[in-house]
């Protein structure tokens, strides 16, 4: 499974960004997809996940601000990020889990929120 993430950039606090992650390849069915982030000097943390049936889960710090969604037909996942804060600054990685291939990771996209 190949994952291509995009949509990061520089935004002022209070602004919005939308991240996208496109999965490609063949012979797999995605079970879950998710977004993780890693800030400088910190461990990678799970931000949001979505199951193939549409169930979602978020880390407490982004609840009410971020929305994860997935277009199953296109194997594309999105993360709509609103009311961004400087603490959201990190490299964001997309992840996909399939029974056949296990965990796959995208290359990361940098989100920088200025105060």
Protein backbone atom coordinates (compact mmCIF):
# COMPACT_ATOMS: atom_id res chain seq x y z
CA UNK A 1 0.00 0.00 0.00
CA UNK A 2 1.44 3.36 -1.01
CA UNK A 3 0.23 6.45 0.81
CA UNK A 4 0.64 9.99 -0.48
CA UNK A 5 -0.10 12.77 1.98
CA UNK A 6 -0.58 16.40 1.05
CA UNK A 7 -2.09 19.64 2.28
CA UNK A 8 0.31 20.82 4.96
CA UNK A 9 1.57 24.35 5.15
CA UNK A 10 1.89 27.49 7.22
CA UNK A 11 -1.21 29.00 8.78
CA UNK A 12 -1.93 31.52 11.50
CA UNK A 13 -3.51 30.47 14.77
CA UNK A 14 -7.24 30.15 14.35
CA UNK A 15 -6.93 29.20 10.72
CA UNK A 16 -7.78 26.00 8.89
CA UNK A 17 -6.07 23.41 6.74
CA UNK A 18 -7.20 20.20 5.09
CA UNK A 19 -4.87 17.26 4.78
CA UNK A 20 -5.38 14.52 2.22
CA UNK A 21 -3.98 11.00 2.04
CA UNK A 22 -4.42 8.89 -1.06
CA UNK A 23 -3.84 5.15 -0.90
CA UNK A 24 -2.78 3.27 -4.00
CA UNK A 25 -1.84 -0.25 -4.88
CA UNK A 26 -3.80 -3.40 -5.41
CA UNK A 27 -4.92 -6.51 -3.66
CA UNK A 28 -5.92 -4.97 -0.38
CA UNK A 29 -8.92 -3.78 1.55
CA UNK A 30 -8.37 -1.01 4.05
CA UNK A 31 -9.51 -1.71 7.60
CA UNK A 32 -8.61 1.60 9.18
CA UNK A 33 -6.85 4.80 8.25
CA UNK A 34 -5.53 7.43 10.55
CA UNK A 35 -3.49 10.55 11.07
CA UNK A 36 -0.57 10.74 13.43
CA UNK A 37 1.68 13.65 14.23
CA UNK A 38 5.11 14.23 15.66
CA UNK A 39 6.23 17.56 17.00
CA UNK A 40 9.92 18.36 17.52
CA UNK A 41 11.25 16.60 20.58
CA UNK A 42 8.03 14.69 21.16
CA UNK A 43 6.79 11.20 20.48
CA UNK A 44 4.49 10.46 17.62
CA UNK A 45 0.86 10.56 18.72
CA UNK A 46 -2.31 9.35 17.14
CA UNK A 47 -4.54 12.26 16.16
CA UNK A 48 -7.56 10.63 14.56
CA UNK A 49 -8.58 7.30 13.08
CA UNK A 50 -11.47 6.15 10.93
CA UNK A 51 -12.70 2.64 10.29
CA UNK A 52 -13.97 1.32 7.00
CA UNK A 53 -17.48 1.52 8.44
CA UNK A 54 -17.07 5.18 9.29
CA UNK A 55 -16.42 5.01 13.02
CA UNK A 56 -14.01 7.67 14.23
CA UNK A 57 -11.86 8.43 17.23
CA UNK A 58 -9.86 11.52 18.15
CA UNK A 59 -7.24 12.49 20.65
CA UNK A 60 -8.80 14.77 23.25
CA UNK A 61 -6.76 17.80 22.23
CA UNK A 62 -8.35 17.99 18.76
CA UNK A 63 -11.93 16.99 19.53
CA UNK A 64 -14.35 19.57 18.22
CA UNK A 65 -11.70 21.11 15.95
CA UNK A 66 -10.57 18.32 13.62
CA UNK A 67 -12.72 16.07 11.46
CA UNK A 68 -11.50 12.89 9.80
CA UNK A 69 -13.31 11.48 6.80
CA UNK A 70 -12.73 8.93 4.08
CA UNK A 71 -13.85 8.44 0.52
CA UNK A 72 -13.91 4.64 0.34
CA UNK A 73 -14.39 4.54 -3.42
CA UNK A 74 -11.21 6.55 -3.96
CA UNK A 75 -9.25 5.20 -0.96
CA UNK A 76 -8.63 8.77 0.10
CA UNK A 77 -8.69 10.08 3.63
CA UNK A 78 -9.00 13.67 4.77
CA UNK A 79 -8.35 15.61 7.95
CA UNK A 80 -10.13 18.93 8.19
CA UNK A 81 -8.35 21.01 10.82
CA UNK A 82 -10.08 24.12 12.12
CA UNK A 83 -9.22 26.55 14.90
CA UNK A 84 -5.60 25.57 14.64
CA UNK A 85 -3.28 26.29 17.54
CA UNK A 86 0.51 26.60 17.71
CA UNK A 87 0.52 23.31 19.63
CA UNK A 88 -0.80 21.61 16.49
CA UNK A 89 2.51 22.30 14.76
CA UNK A 90 3.99 18.95 13.75
CA UNK A 91 4.72 16.63 10.89
CA UNK A 92 1.51 14.78 10.14
CA UNK A 93 1.67 11.21 8.89
CA UNK A 94 -1.09 9.16 7.39
CA UNK A 95 -1.44 5.51 8.19
CA UNK A 96 -3.44 2.66 6.72
CA UNK A 97 -3.95 -0.77 8.19
CA UNK A 98 -4.83 -3.73 6.01
CA UNK A 99 -5.02 -7.38 6.97
CA UNK A 100 -2.77 -8.30 4.07
CA UNK A 101 0.01 -5.75 4.57
CA UNK A 102 -0.35 -4.55 8.14
CA UNK A 103 0.57 -0.91 8.78
CA UNK A 104 1.63 1.39 5.97
CA UNK A 105 2.84 4.96 6.37
CA UNK A 106 2.90 8.03 4.19
CA UNK A 107 5.86 10.37 3.92
CA UNK A 108 4.57 13.07 6.26
CA UNK A 109 3.42 16.61 5.65
CA UNK A 110 4.47 19.58 7.78
CA UNK A 111 1.87 21.74 9.46
CA UNK A 112 3.12 24.95 11.03
CA UNK A 113 0.78 27.16 13.04
CA UNK A 114 2.09 30.61 13.88
CA UNK A 115 0.90 32.56 16.91
